[in-house]
Amino acid sequence: MELIRGLHNLAMKRNSPSFKRCVLTIGNFDGVHSGHQMILQQLRRRADELGLPSTLMVFEPQPLEFFAGKGAPARITAFHEKVRLIQKHKIDSLVCLHFNEALRSMSAQTFIEEILVKDLGVKFLIIGDDFRFGCKQNGNFDLLKQAGRQHDFEVERTETFTWENKRVSSTRVRDAIEQGDFARAEQMLSRPYSISGRVMYGQQLGRELEAPTANLSLKGKKVPLAGVYAVEVSGLEDLGKGPLAPGVANVGVRPTISGDKPLLEVHLFDFDQDIYGRKIRVFFRHKIRDEINFDSLCILKNQIGLDIIAAKKHFGMDRAF
């Protein structure tokens, strides 16, 4: 899959000898959940029928993040994770446009003529009938249908995936994760919810608390969960831990030690090897408790012991910490 970032690179692609018209869809695709997967299958199917490349357009930051700032909903997937999940669907090109003031203020007509028609050469557009775009969101599905007749492209509604008689959406998935209902989230995602990253050096406080941790930076991004969880970790197979190693994780800012940046800390059971710099994936299985500001490190240490016992009980492990 080719990743094209920004209007400049999109224009360079348009001017290349290999340029072809495309089948396109547009959206946030946060979580790449079952509904998104159905749209990607629809995109791939139409592209194969027409013998044209399949293209997905997303925006960074997501438009709501641009407008709402810190008040925007937490992301289900980081951008690098979104790219990985989309790539699995054999999409030919992922176009990522920087959502800024210039793009926000662009008229719907200019967006169609300059980006969709001129830069992308859209031949077939798959879009939700509630899709809004352009300055003051003046563009809509009907305008795209009208433009299609003028510029020789067809517009088709996206297919809808429902679960429990409701449309699967990023909001529903996010709510399930926030509530610690990982079974429900997995049903809508078609995979277990997870966070991946490289293990980084921390403050080594976990060793002092007799629970050493592998720390993953969340890069200052808001995630849809906070607290203590029973987890399983992949990426340690060559170290004798099997495909999934059980543990307990804390997600949050660590108020007891006056932390200010969100961090994912994982304590793996019966494991003490150096894994700094290793990429791991953390699967969330069960919420144990919310994050708490304890009065002392001694109280925190005692609670960590109880958290480990609770996580081991979830996994049916007999031996207590």
C-alpha atoms as a PDB file:
ATOM      1  CA  MET A   1       0.000   0.000   0.000  1.00  0.00           C
ATOM      2  CA  GLU A   2       1.299   3.425  -0.972  1.00  0.00           C
ATOM      3  CA  LEU A   3       1.050   6.151   1.679  1.00  0.00           C
ATOM      4  CA  ILE A   4       0.706   9.658   0.212  1.00  0.00           C
ATOM      5  CA  ARG A   5       0.941  12.468   2.761  1.00  0.00           C
ATOM      6  CA  GLY A   6      -0.109  16.017   1.924  1.00  0.00           C
ATOM      7  CA  LEU A   7      -1.372  17.890  -1.114  1.00  0.00           C
ATOM      8  CA  HIS A   8       2.162  18.399  -2.459  1.00  0.00           C
ATOM      9  CA  ASN A   9       2.859  14.675  -2.679  1.00  0.00           C
ATOM     10  CA  LEU A  10      -0.616  14.106  -4.070  1.00  0.00           C
ATOM     11  CA  ALA A  11       0.127  16.563  -6.891  1.00  0.00           C
ATOM     12  CA  MET A  12       3.433  14.797  -7.601  1.00  0.00           C
ATOM     13  CA  LYS A  13       1.563  11.498  -7.849  1.00  0.00           C
ATOM     14  CA  ARG A  14      -0.926  13.062 -10.284  1.00  0.00           C
ATOM     15  CA  ASN A  15       1.916  14.221 -12.555  1.00  0.00           C
ATOM     16  CA  SER A  16       3.616  10.815 -12.663  1.00  0.00           C
ATOM     17  CA  PRO A  17       3.378   8.683 -15.854  1.00  0.00           C
ATOM     18  CA  SER A  18       1.693   5.875 -13.900  1.00  0.00           C
ATOM     19  CA  PHE A  19      -1.244   8.063 -12.764  1.00  0.00           C
ATOM     20  CA  LYS A  20      -4.671   6.434 -13.116  1.00  0.00           C
ATOM     21  CA  ARG A  21      -8.166   7.417 -12.109  1.00  0.00           C
ATOM     22  CA  CYS A  22      -9.283   5.717  -8.894  1.00  0.00           C
ATOM     23  CA  VAL A  23     -12.086   4.301  -6.800  1.00  0.00           C
ATOM     24  CA  LEU A  24     -12.190   6.374  -3.620  1.00  0.00           C
ATOM     25  CA  THR A  25     -13.681   6.493  -0.164  1.00  0.00           C
ATOM     26  CA  ILE A  26     -13.186   9.139   2.531  1.00  0.00           C
ATOM     27  CA  GLY A  27     -13.432   9.033   6.323  1.00  0.00           C
ATOM     28  CA  ASN A  28     -11.712   8.968   9.702  1.00  0.00           C
ATOM     29  CA  PHE A  29     -11.628   5.173   9.955  1.00  0.00           C
ATOM     30  CA  ASP A  30     -10.739   5.440  13.644  1.00  0.00           C
ATOM     31  CA  GLY A  31     -10.547   1.905  14.975  1.00  0.00           C
ATOM     32  CA  VAL A  32     -10.955   0.322  11.532  1.00  0.00           C
ATOM     33  CA  HIS A  33     -13.929  -1.508  13.038  1.00  0.00           C
ATOM     34  CA  SER A  34     -16.308  -3.977  11.360  1.00  0.00           C
ATOM     35  CA  GLY A  35     -18.245  -1.188   9.656  1.00  0.00           C
ATOM     36  CA  HIS A  36     -15.042   0.278   8.230  1.00  0.00           C
ATOM     37  CA  GLN A  37     -13.935  -3.181   7.136  1.00  0.00           C
ATOM     38  CA  MET A  38     -17.177  -3.618   5.175  1.00  0.00           C
ATOM     39  CA  ILE A  39     -16.538  -0.288   3.415  1.00  0.00           C
ATOM     40  CA  LEU A  40     -12.977  -1.310   2.569  1.00  0.00           C
ATOM     41  CA  GLN A  41     -14.291  -4.561   1.103  1.00  0.00           C
ATOM     42  CA  GLN A  42     -16.830  -2.544  -0.928  1.00  0.00           C
ATOM     43  CA  LEU A  43     -13.991  -0.269  -2.102  1.00  0.00           C
ATOM     44  CA  ARG A  44     -11.781  -3.195  -3.092  1.00  0.00           C
ATOM     45  CA  ARG A  45     -14.655  -4.927  -4.892  1.00  0.00           C
ATOM     46  CA  ARG A  46     -15.559  -1.847  -6.965  1.00  0.00           C
ATOM     47  CA  ALA A  47     -11.898  -1.211  -7.797  1.00  0.00           C
ATOM     48  CA  ASP A  48     -11.485  -4.795  -9.030  1.00  0.00           C
ATOM     49  CA  GLU A  49     -14.660  -4.540 -11.140  1.00  0.00           C
ATOM     50  CA  LEU A  50     -13.442  -1.345 -12.814  1.00  0.00           C
ATOM     51  CA  GLY A  51      -9.788  -2.364 -13.034  1.00  0.00           C
ATOM     52  CA  LEU A  52      -8.738   0.798 -11.180  1.00  0.00           C
ATOM     53  CA  PRO A  53      -6.654   1.428  -8.047  1.00  0.00           C
ATOM     54  CA  SER A  54      -8.453   1.637  -4.693  1.00  0.00           C
ATOM     55  CA  THR A  55      -7.797   4.787  -2.648  1.00  0.00           C
ATOM     56  CA  LEU A  56      -8.748   5.781   0.888  1.00  0.00           C
ATOM     57  CA  MET A  57      -8.521   9.399   2.071  1.00  0.00           C
ATOM     58  CA  VAL A  58      -8.095  10.254   5.767  1.00  0.00           C
ATOM     59  CA  PHE A  59      -7.120  13.424   7.619  1.00  0.00           C
ATOM     60  CA  GLU A  60      -4.561  14.275  10.319  1.00  0.00           C
ATOM     61  CA  PRO A  61      -5.553  15.588  12.722  1.00  0.00           C
ATOM     62  CA  GLN A  62      -9.062  14.226  12.415  1.00  0.00           C
ATOM     63  CA  PRO A  63     -11.458  17.118  11.736  1.00  0.00           C
ATOM     64  CA  LEU A  64     -13.126  16.924  15.154  1.00  0.00           C
ATOM     65  CA  GLU A  65      -9.677  17.072  16.797  1.00  0.00           C
ATOM     66  CA  PHE A  66      -8.981  20.254  14.821  1.00  0.00           C
ATOM     67  CA  PHE A  67     -12.239  21.864  15.910  1.00  0.00           C
ATOM     68  CA  ALA A  68     -12.516  20.570  19.494  1.00  0.00           C
ATOM     69  CA  GLY A  69      -8.841  20.304  20.485  1.00  0.00           C
ATOM     70  CA  LYS A  70      -8.439  18.562  23.842  1.00  0.00           C
ATOM     71  CA  GLY A  71     -12.214  18.178  24.025  1.00  0.00           C
ATOM     72  CA  ALA A  72     -12.214  15.740  21.092  1.00  0.00           C
ATOM     73  CA  PRO A  73     -12.957  12.068  21.794  1.00  0.00           C
ATOM     74  CA  ALA A  74     -10.054   9.739  22.491  1.00  0.00           C
ATOM     75  CA  ARG A  75      -8.730   7.838  19.515  1.00  0.00           C
ATOM     76  CA  ILE A  76      -9.290   4.105  19.321  1.00  0.00           C
ATOM     77  CA  THR A  77      -6.184   3.643  17.170  1.00  0.00           C
ATOM     78  CA  ALA A  78      -3.040   5.702  16.696  1.00  0.00           C
ATOM     79  CA  PHE A  79      -2.256   6.681  13.103  1.00  0.00           C
ATOM     80  CA  HIS A  80       0.462   4.032  12.663  1.00  0.00           C
ATOM     81  CA  GLU A  81      -1.969   1.371  13.866  1.00  0.00           C
ATOM     82  CA  LYS A  82      -4.678   2.627  11.517  1.00  0.00           C
ATOM     83  CA  VAL A  83      -2.244   2.320   8.590  1.00  0.00           C
ATOM     84  CA  ARG A  84      -1.350  -1.247   9.614  1.00  0.00           C
ATOM     85  CA  LEU A  85      -4.997  -2.311   9.815  1.00  0.00           C
ATOM     86  CA  ILE A  86      -5.973  -0.674   6.520  1.00  0.00           C
ATOM     87  CA  GLN A  87      -3.017  -2.287   4.771  1.00  0.00           C
ATOM     88  CA  LYS A  88      -4.452  -5.709   5.597  1.00  0.00           C
ATOM     89  CA  HIS A  89      -7.352  -4.988   3.224  1.00  0.00           C
ATOM     90  CA  LYS A  90      -5.048  -4.643   0.208  1.00  0.00           C
ATOM     91  CA  ILE A  91      -5.943  -1.026  -0.490  1.00  0.00           C
ATOM     92  CA  ASP A  92      -3.641   0.436  -3.159  1.00  0.00           C
ATOM     93  CA  SER A  93      -3.217   3.977  -1.809  1.00  0.00           C
ATOM     94  CA  LEU A  94      -3.822   5.726   1.497  1.00  0.00           C
ATOM     95  CA  VAL A  95      -3.982   9.511   1.094  1.00  0.00           C
ATOM     96  CA  CYS A  96      -3.495  11.454   4.328  1.00  0.00           C
ATOM     97  CA  LEU A  97      -4.221  15.180   4.116  1.00  0.00           C
ATOM     98  CA  HIS A  98      -3.216  17.628   6.833  1.00  0.00           C
ATOM     99  CA  PHE A  99      -6.427  19.091   8.193  1.00  0.00           C
ATOM    100  CA  ASN A 100      -5.581  22.738   8.773  1.00  0.00           C
ATOM    101  CA  GLU A 101      -7.176  26.151   8.372  1.00  0.00           C
ATOM    102  CA  ALA A 102      -6.619  26.125   4.604  1.00  0.00           C
ATOM    103  CA  LEU A 103      -8.437  22.820   4.191  1.00  0.00           C
ATOM    104  CA  ARG A 104     -11.151  23.814   6.656  1.00  0.00           C
ATOM    105  CA  SER A 105     -11.902  27.009   4.746  1.00  0.00           C
ATOM    106  CA  MET A 106     -11.832  25.373   1.298  1.00  0.00           C
ATOM    107  CA  SER A 107     -15.237  25.484  -0.386  1.00  0.00           C
ATOM    108  CA  ALA A 108     -17.000  22.225  -1.138  1.00  0.00           C
ATOM    109  CA  GLN A 109     -16.828  22.991  -4.866  1.00  0.00           C
ATOM    110  CA  THR A 110     -13.069  23.603  -4.739  1.00  0.00           C
ATOM    111  CA  PHE A 111     -12.540  20.395  -2.757  1.00  0.00           C
ATOM    112  CA  ILE A 112     -14.374  18.461  -5.465  1.00  0.00           C
ATOM    113  CA  GLU A 113     -12.706  20.116  -8.444  1.00  0.00           C
ATOM    114  CA  GLU A 114      -9.139  20.484  -7.139  1.00  0.00           C
ATOM    115  CA  ILE A 115      -8.707  17.419  -4.923  1.00  0.00           C
ATOM    116  CA  LEU A 116     -11.225  14.791  -5.988  1.00  0.00           C
ATOM    117  CA  VAL A 117     -11.198  15.456  -9.734  1.00  0.00           C
ATOM    118  CA  LYS A 118      -7.846  17.088 -10.513  1.00  0.00           C
ATOM    119  CA  ASP A 119      -5.505  15.509  -7.935  1.00  0.00           C
ATOM    120  CA  LEU A 120      -7.134  12.100  -7.478  1.00  0.00           C
ATOM    121  CA  GLY A 121      -8.964  11.631 -10.757  1.00  0.00           C
ATOM    122  CA  VAL A 122     -11.847   9.961  -8.970  1.00  0.00           C
ATOM    123  CA  LYS A 123     -13.907   7.653 -11.191  1.00  0.00           C
ATOM    124  CA  PHE A 124     -16.055   6.034  -8.508  1.00  0.00           C
ATOM    125  CA  LEU A 125     -16.728   7.503  -5.048  1.00  0.00           C
ATOM    126  CA  ILE A 126     -18.083   5.475  -2.117  1.00  0.00           C
ATOM    127  CA  ILE A 127     -19.333   7.750   0.651  1.00  0.00           C
ATOM    128  CA  GLY A 128     -21.849   7.874   3.488  1.00  0.00           C
ATOM    129  CA  ASP A 129     -25.037   9.747   2.701  1.00  0.00           C
ATOM    130  CA  ASP A 130     -24.455  11.788   5.891  1.00  0.00           C
ATOM    131  CA  PHE A 131     -20.973  12.867   4.763  1.00  0.00           C
ATOM    132  CA  ARG A 132     -20.396  16.635   5.078  1.00  0.00           C
ATOM    133  CA  PHE A 133     -17.374  18.543   3.789  1.00  0.00           C
ATOM    134  CA  GLY A 134     -16.086  21.934   2.721  1.00  0.00           C
ATOM    135  CA  CYS A 135     -16.253  25.317   4.439  1.00  0.00           C
ATOM    136  CA  LYS A 136     -19.134  25.394   6.947  1.00  0.00           C
ATOM    137  CA  GLN A 137     -19.820  21.784   5.858  1.00  0.00           C
ATOM    138  CA  ASN A 138     -21.774  22.994   2.859  1.00  0.00           C
ATOM    139  CA  GLY A 139     -20.896  19.908   0.813  1.00  0.00           C
ATOM    140  CA  ASN A 140     -23.069  16.817   1.035  1.00  0.00           C
ATOM    141  CA  PHE A 141     -24.000  13.598  -0.761  1.00  0.00           C
ATOM    142  CA  ASP A 142     -26.389  15.329  -3.179  1.00  0.00           C
ATOM    143  CA  LEU A 143     -23.710  17.835  -4.220  1.00  0.00           C
ATOM    144  CA  LEU A 144     -21.310  14.954  -4.908  1.00  0.00           C
ATOM    145  CA  LYS A 145     -23.941  13.189  -7.040  1.00  0.00           C
ATOM    146  CA  GLN A 146     -24.438  16.389  -9.024  1.00  0.00           C
ATOM    147  CA  ALA A 147     -20.663  16.882  -9.406  1.00  0.00           C
ATOM    148  CA  GLY A 148     -20.313  13.267 -10.526  1.00  0.00           C
ATOM    149  CA  ARG A 149     -22.597  13.895 -13.480  1.00  0.00           C
ATOM    150  CA  GLN A 150     -20.547  16.953 -14.413  1.00  0.00           C
ATOM    151  CA  HIS A 151     -17.078  15.423 -13.951  1.00  0.00           C
ATOM    152  CA  ASP A 152     -17.711  11.825 -15.003  1.00  0.00           C
ATOM    153  CA  PHE A 153     -17.594   9.941 -11.714  1.00  0.00           C
ATOM    154  CA  GLU A 154     -20.182   7.763 -10.023  1.00  0.00           C
ATOM    155  CA  VAL A 155     -21.230   8.111  -6.384  1.00  0.00           C
ATOM    156  CA  GLU A 156     -22.417   5.170  -4.270  1.00  0.00           C
ATOM    157  CA  ARG A 157     -23.530   4.982  -0.649  1.00  0.00           C
ATOM    158  CA  THR A 158     -21.361   3.076   1.793  1.00  0.00           C
ATOM    159  CA  GLU A 159     -22.673  -0.245   3.016  1.00  0.00           C
ATOM    160  CA  THR A 160     -23.688  -0.397   6.682  1.00  0.00           C
ATOM    161  CA  PHE A 161     -22.670  -3.028   9.221  1.00  0.00           C
ATOM    162  CA  THR A 162     -24.958  -3.522  12.216  1.00  0.00           C
ATOM    163  CA  TRP A 163     -24.516  -5.409  15.464  1.00  0.00           C
ATOM    164  CA  GLU A 164     -27.249  -5.797  18.082  1.00  0.00           C
ATOM    165  CA  ASN A 165     -29.575  -4.016  15.614  1.00  0.00           C
ATOM    166  CA  LYS A 166     -27.479  -0.815  15.659  1.00  0.00           C
ATOM    167  CA  ARG A 167     -24.921   0.568  13.234  1.00  0.00           C
ATOM    168  CA  VAL A 168     -21.367  -0.136  14.334  1.00  0.00           C
ATOM    169  CA  SER A 169     -19.557   3.164  14.823  1.00  0.00           C
ATOM    170  CA  SER A 170     -16.338   4.431  16.362  1.00  0.00           C
ATOM    171  CA  THR A 171     -18.436   6.003  19.120  1.00  0.00           C
ATOM    172  CA  ARG A 172     -19.976   2.635  20.084  1.00  0.00           C
ATOM    173  CA  VAL A 173     -16.573   0.949  20.093  1.00  0.00           C
ATOM    174  CA  ARG A 174     -15.047   3.753  22.145  1.00  0.00           C
ATOM    175  CA  ASP A 175     -17.867   3.588  24.680  1.00  0.00           C
ATOM    176  CA  ALA A 176     -17.378  -0.166  25.117  1.00  0.00           C
ATOM    177  CA  ILE A 177     -13.640   0.278  25.729  1.00  0.00           C
ATOM    178  CA  GLU A 178     -14.206   3.138  28.186  1.00  0.00           C
ATOM    179  CA  GLN A 179     -16.638   0.919  30.108  1.00  0.00           C
ATOM    180  CA  GLY A 180     -14.146  -1.959  30.184  1.00  0.00           C
ATOM    181  CA  ASP A 181     -16.458  -4.142  28.107  1.00  0.00           C
ATOM    182  CA  PHE A 182     -13.720  -5.655  25.967  1.00  0.00           C
ATOM    183  CA  ALA A 183     -15.869  -8.559  24.779  1.00  0.00           C
ATOM    184  CA  ARG A 184     -18.344  -6.116  23.247  1.00  0.00           C
ATOM    185  CA  ALA A 185     -15.529  -4.028  21.761  1.00  0.00           C
ATOM    186  CA  GLU A 186     -14.006  -7.164  20.233  1.00  0.00           C
ATOM    187  CA  GLN A 187     -17.315  -8.051  18.578  1.00  0.00           C
ATOM    188  CA  MET A 188     -17.451  -4.654  16.875  1.00  0.00           C
ATOM    189  CA  LEU A 189     -13.746  -4.458  16.035  1.00  0.00           C
ATOM    190  CA  SER A 190     -13.535  -8.081  14.823  1.00  0.00           C
ATOM    191  CA  ARG A 191     -10.354  -8.340  16.896  1.00  0.00           C
ATOM    192  CA  PRO A 192      -9.341  -7.821  20.547  1.00  0.00           C
ATOM    193  CA  TYR A 193      -8.616  -4.230  21.536  1.00  0.00           C
ATOM    194  CA  SER A 194      -4.887  -3.625  21.912  1.00  0.00           C
ATOM    195  CA  ILE A 195      -2.158  -0.977  22.053  1.00  0.00           C
ATOM    196  CA  SER A 196       1.306  -1.528  20.607  1.00  0.00           C
ATOM    197  CA  GLY A 197       4.603   0.285  20.985  1.00  0.00           C
ATOM    198  CA  ARG A 198       8.279   0.008  21.844  1.00  0.00           C
ATOM    199  CA  VAL A 199       9.324  -0.516  25.436  1.00  0.00           C
ATOM    200  CA  MET A 200      11.015   2.638  26.726  1.00  0.00           C
ATOM    201  CA  TYR A 201      13.083   3.517  29.768  1.00  0.00           C
ATOM    202  CA  GLY A 202      11.058   4.785  32.692  1.00  0.00           C
ATOM    203  CA  GLN A 203      11.783   5.956  36.226  1.00  0.00           C
ATOM    204  CA  GLN A 204      12.539   2.401  37.406  1.00  0.00           C
ATOM    205  CA  LEU A 205       9.936   2.943  40.139  1.00  0.00           C
ATOM    206  CA  GLY A 206       8.311  -0.409  39.432  1.00  0.00           C
ATOM    207  CA  ARG A 207      11.383  -2.257  40.715  1.00  0.00           C
ATOM    208  CA  GLU A 208      11.247  -0.250  43.921  1.00  0.00           C
ATOM    209  CA  LEU A 209       7.613  -1.314  44.259  1.00  0.00           C
ATOM    210  CA  GLU A 210       8.605  -4.946  43.570  1.00  0.00           C
ATOM    211  CA  ALA A 211       6.652  -4.948  40.305  1.00  0.00           C
ATOM    212  CA  PRO A 212       8.986  -4.025  37.415  1.00  0.00           C
ATOM    213  CA  THR A 213       7.156  -2.745  34.361  1.00  0.00           C
ATOM    214  CA  ALA A 214       7.588  -2.452  30.621  1.00  0.00           C
ATOM    215  CA  ASN A 215       6.618   1.116  29.755  1.00  0.00           C
ATOM    216  CA  LEU A 216       5.009   2.241  26.492  1.00  0.00           C
ATOM    217  CA  SER A 217       4.656   5.925  25.714  1.00  0.00           C
ATOM    218  CA  LEU A 218       1.236   7.044  24.509  1.00  0.00           C
ATOM    219  CA  LYS A 219       2.936  10.095  22.925  1.00  0.00           C
ATOM    220  CA  GLY A 220       0.673  12.488  24.768  1.00  0.00           C
ATOM    221  CA  LYS A 221      -2.403  11.142  22.976  1.00  0.00           C
ATOM    222  CA  LYS A 222      -5.695  10.554  24.748  1.00  0.00           C
ATOM    223  CA  VAL A 223      -6.707   6.881  24.759  1.00  0.00           C
ATOM    224  CA  PRO A 224     -10.208   5.556  25.533  1.00  0.00           C
ATOM    225  CA  LEU A 225      -9.294   3.851  28.782  1.00  0.00           C
ATOM    226  CA  ALA A 226      -7.636   4.564  32.115  1.00  0.00           C
ATOM    227  CA  GLY A 227      -7.057   2.400  35.156  1.00  0.00           C
ATOM    228  CA  VAL A 228      -5.669  -1.033  35.952  1.00  0.00           C
ATOM    229  CA  TYR A 229      -6.288  -4.032  33.697  1.00  0.00           C
ATOM    230  CA  ALA A 230      -5.565  -7.722  33.333  1.00  0.00           C
ATOM    231  CA  VAL A 231      -3.682  -7.933  30.032  1.00  0.00           C
ATOM    232  CA  GLU A 232      -1.855 -10.309  27.730  1.00  0.00           C
ATOM    233  CA  VAL A 233       1.246  -9.329  25.765  1.00  0.00           C
ATOM    234  CA  SER A 234       2.554 -10.578  22.439  1.00  0.00           C
ATOM    235  CA  GLY A 235       6.027 -10.021  21.006  1.00  0.00           C
ATOM    236  CA  LEU A 236       7.941 -12.101  23.561  1.00  0.00           C
ATOM    237  CA  GLU A 237       7.666 -15.491  21.877  1.00  0.00           C
ATOM    238  CA  ASP A 238      11.413 -15.856  21.394  1.00  0.00           C
ATOM    239  CA  LEU A 239      11.937 -15.294  25.129  1.00  0.00           C
ATOM    240  CA  GLY A 240       9.953 -18.354  26.111  1.00  0.00           C
ATOM    241  CA  LYS A 241       6.723 -16.585  27.054  1.00  0.00           C
ATOM    242  CA  GLY A 242       4.507 -18.163  24.415  1.00  0.00           C
ATOM    243  CA  PRO A 243       2.229 -16.228  22.049  1.00  0.00           C
ATOM    244  CA  LEU A 244       0.516 -14.340  24.888  1.00  0.00           C
ATOM    245  CA  ALA A 245       2.153 -13.522  28.225  1.00  0.00           C
ATOM    246  CA  PRO A 246      -0.238 -12.606  31.084  1.00  0.00           C
ATOM    247  CA  GLY A 247       0.263  -9.542  33.213  1.00  0.00           C
ATOM    248  CA  VAL A 248      -1.300  -6.490  34.804  1.00  0.00           C
ATOM    249  CA  ALA A 249      -1.208  -2.994  33.324  1.00  0.00           C
ATOM    250  CA  ASN A 250      -1.833   0.563  34.414  1.00  0.00           C
ATOM    251  CA  VAL A 251      -2.948   3.192  31.915  1.00  0.00           C
ATOM    252  CA  GLY A 252      -2.866   6.784  33.057  1.00  0.00           C
ATOM    253  CA  VAL A 253      -0.796   9.678  34.362  1.00  0.00           C
ATOM    254  CA  ARG A 254       0.248   8.049  37.681  1.00  0.00           C
ATOM    255  CA  PRO A 255      -1.094  10.754  40.049  1.00  0.00           C
ATOM    256  CA  THR A 256       0.596   9.244  43.129  1.00  0.00           C
ATOM    257  CA  ILE A 257       4.008  10.233  41.758  1.00  0.00           C
ATOM    258  CA  SER A 258       2.722  13.505  40.219  1.00  0.00           C
ATOM    259  CA  GLY A 259       2.900  12.206  36.675  1.00  0.00           C
ATOM    260  CA  ASP A 260       1.593  14.455  33.912  1.00  0.00           C
ATOM    261  CA  LYS A 261       1.869  12.403  30.707  1.00  0.00           C
ATOM    262  CA  PRO A 262      -0.229   9.323  29.926  1.00  0.00           C
ATOM    263  CA  LEU A 263       1.728   6.089  30.029  1.00  0.00           C
ATOM    264  CA  LEU A 264       1.025   2.395  29.637  1.00  0.00           C
ATOM    265  CA  GLU A 265       2.910   0.306  32.220  1.00  0.00           C
ATOM    266  CA  VAL A 266       2.815  -3.489  32.058  1.00  0.00           C
ATOM    267  CA  HIS A 267       4.012  -5.877  34.762  1.00  0.00           C
ATOM    268  CA  LEU A 268       4.487  -9.375  33.324  1.00  0.00           C
ATOM    269  CA  PHE A 269       4.145 -12.332  35.648  1.00  0.00           C
ATOM    270  CA  ASP A 270       7.302 -14.389  36.314  1.00  0.00           C
ATOM    271  CA  PHE A 271       9.400 -12.367  33.884  1.00  0.00           C
ATOM    272  CA  ASP A 272      12.541 -10.297  34.496  1.00  0.00           C
ATOM    273  CA  GLN A 273      14.337 -10.048  31.139  1.00  0.00           C
ATOM    274  CA  ASP A 274      15.541  -6.820  29.540  1.00  0.00           C
ATOM    275  CA  ILE A 275      13.162  -5.886  26.709  1.00  0.00           C
ATOM    276  CA  TYR A 276      13.966  -2.190  26.254  1.00  0.00           C
ATOM    277  CA  GLY A 277      13.458  -1.155  22.638  1.00  0.00           C
ATOM    278  CA  ARG A 278      11.362  -4.223  21.820  1.00  0.00           C
ATOM    279  CA  LYS A 279       8.001  -3.739  20.127  1.00  0.00           C
ATOM    280  CA  ILE A 280       5.169  -5.433  21.996  1.00  0.00           C
ATOM    281  CA  ARG A 281       1.396  -5.477  21.755  1.00  0.00           C
ATOM    282  CA  VAL A 282      -0.804  -5.274  24.861  1.00  0.00           C
ATOM    283  CA  PHE A 283      -4.259  -6.905  24.723  1.00  0.00           C
ATOM    284  CA  PHE A 284      -6.760  -5.659  27.311  1.00  0.00           C
ATOM    285  CA  ARG A 285      -8.883  -8.447  28.815  1.00  0.00           C
ATOM    286  CA  HIS A 286     -10.497  -7.218  32.038  1.00  0.00           C
ATOM    287  CA  LYS A 287     -10.712  -3.988  34.021  1.00  0.00           C
ATOM    288  CA  ILE A 288      -9.661  -4.311  37.656  1.00  0.00           C
ATOM    289  CA  ARG A 289     -10.112  -0.764  38.938  1.00  0.00           C
ATOM    290  CA  ASP A 290      -9.874   2.946  38.112  1.00  0.00           C
ATOM    291  CA  GLU A 291      -6.638   4.872  38.527  1.00  0.00           C
ATOM    292  CA  ILE A 292      -6.328   6.236  42.080  1.00  0.00           C
ATOM    293  CA  ASN A 293      -4.152   8.889  43.722  1.00  0.00           C
ATOM    294  CA  PHE A 294      -2.728   7.107  46.791  1.00  0.00           C
ATOM    295  CA  ASP A 295      -1.437   8.935  49.872  1.00  0.00           C
ATOM    296  CA  SER A 296       1.924   7.152  49.848  1.00  0.00           C
ATOM    297  CA  LEU A 297       4.106   4.783  47.837  1.00  0.00           C
ATOM    298  CA  CYS A 298       3.643   2.198  50.587  1.00  0.00           C
ATOM    299  CA  ILE A 299      -0.123   2.174  50.068  1.00  0.00           C
ATOM    300  CA  LEU A 300       0.409   2.061  46.300  1.00  0.00           C
ATOM    301  CA  LYS A 301       2.757  -0.925  46.694  1.00  0.00           C
ATOM    302  CA  ASN A 302       0.150  -2.816  48.699  1.00  0.00           C
ATOM    303  CA  GLN A 303      -2.516  -2.055  46.112  1.00  0.00           C
ATOM    304  CA  ILE A 304      -0.267  -3.248  43.280  1.00  0.00           C
ATOM    305  CA  GLY A 305       0.015  -6.568  45.096  1.00  0.00           C
ATOM    306  CA  LEU A 306      -3.773  -6.806  45.244  1.00  0.00           C
ATOM    307  CA  ASP A 307      -4.031  -5.835  41.543  1.00  0.00           C
ATOM    308  CA  ILE A 308      -1.644  -8.641  40.619  1.00  0.00           C
ATOM    309  CA  ILE A 309      -3.698 -11.133  42.611  1.00  0.00           C
ATOM    310  CA  ALA A 310      -6.877  -9.917  40.870  1.00  0.00           C
ATOM    311  CA  ALA A 311      -5.286 -10.208  37.420  1.00  0.00           C
ATOM    312  CA  LYS A 312      -3.985 -13.707  38.142  1.00  0.00           C
ATOM    313  CA  LYS A 313      -7.428 -14.713  39.372  1.00  0.00           C
ATOM    314  CA  HIS A 314      -8.904 -13.482  36.085  1.00  0.00           C
ATOM    315  CA  PHE A 315      -6.500 -15.728  34.181  1.00  0.00           C
ATOM    316  CA  GLY A 316      -7.160 -18.673  36.508  1.00  0.00           C
ATOM    317  CA  MET A 317      -3.602 -18.705  37.838  1.00  0.00           C
ATOM    318  CA  ASP A 318      -3.425 -20.434  41.226  1.00  0.00           C
ATOM    319  CA  ARG A 319      -0.196 -19.005  42.581  1.00  0.00           C
ATOM    320  CA  ALA A 320      -0.647 -15.644  44.302  1.00  0.00           C
ATOM    321  CA  PHE A 321       1.973 -12.899  44.200  1.00  0.00           C
END
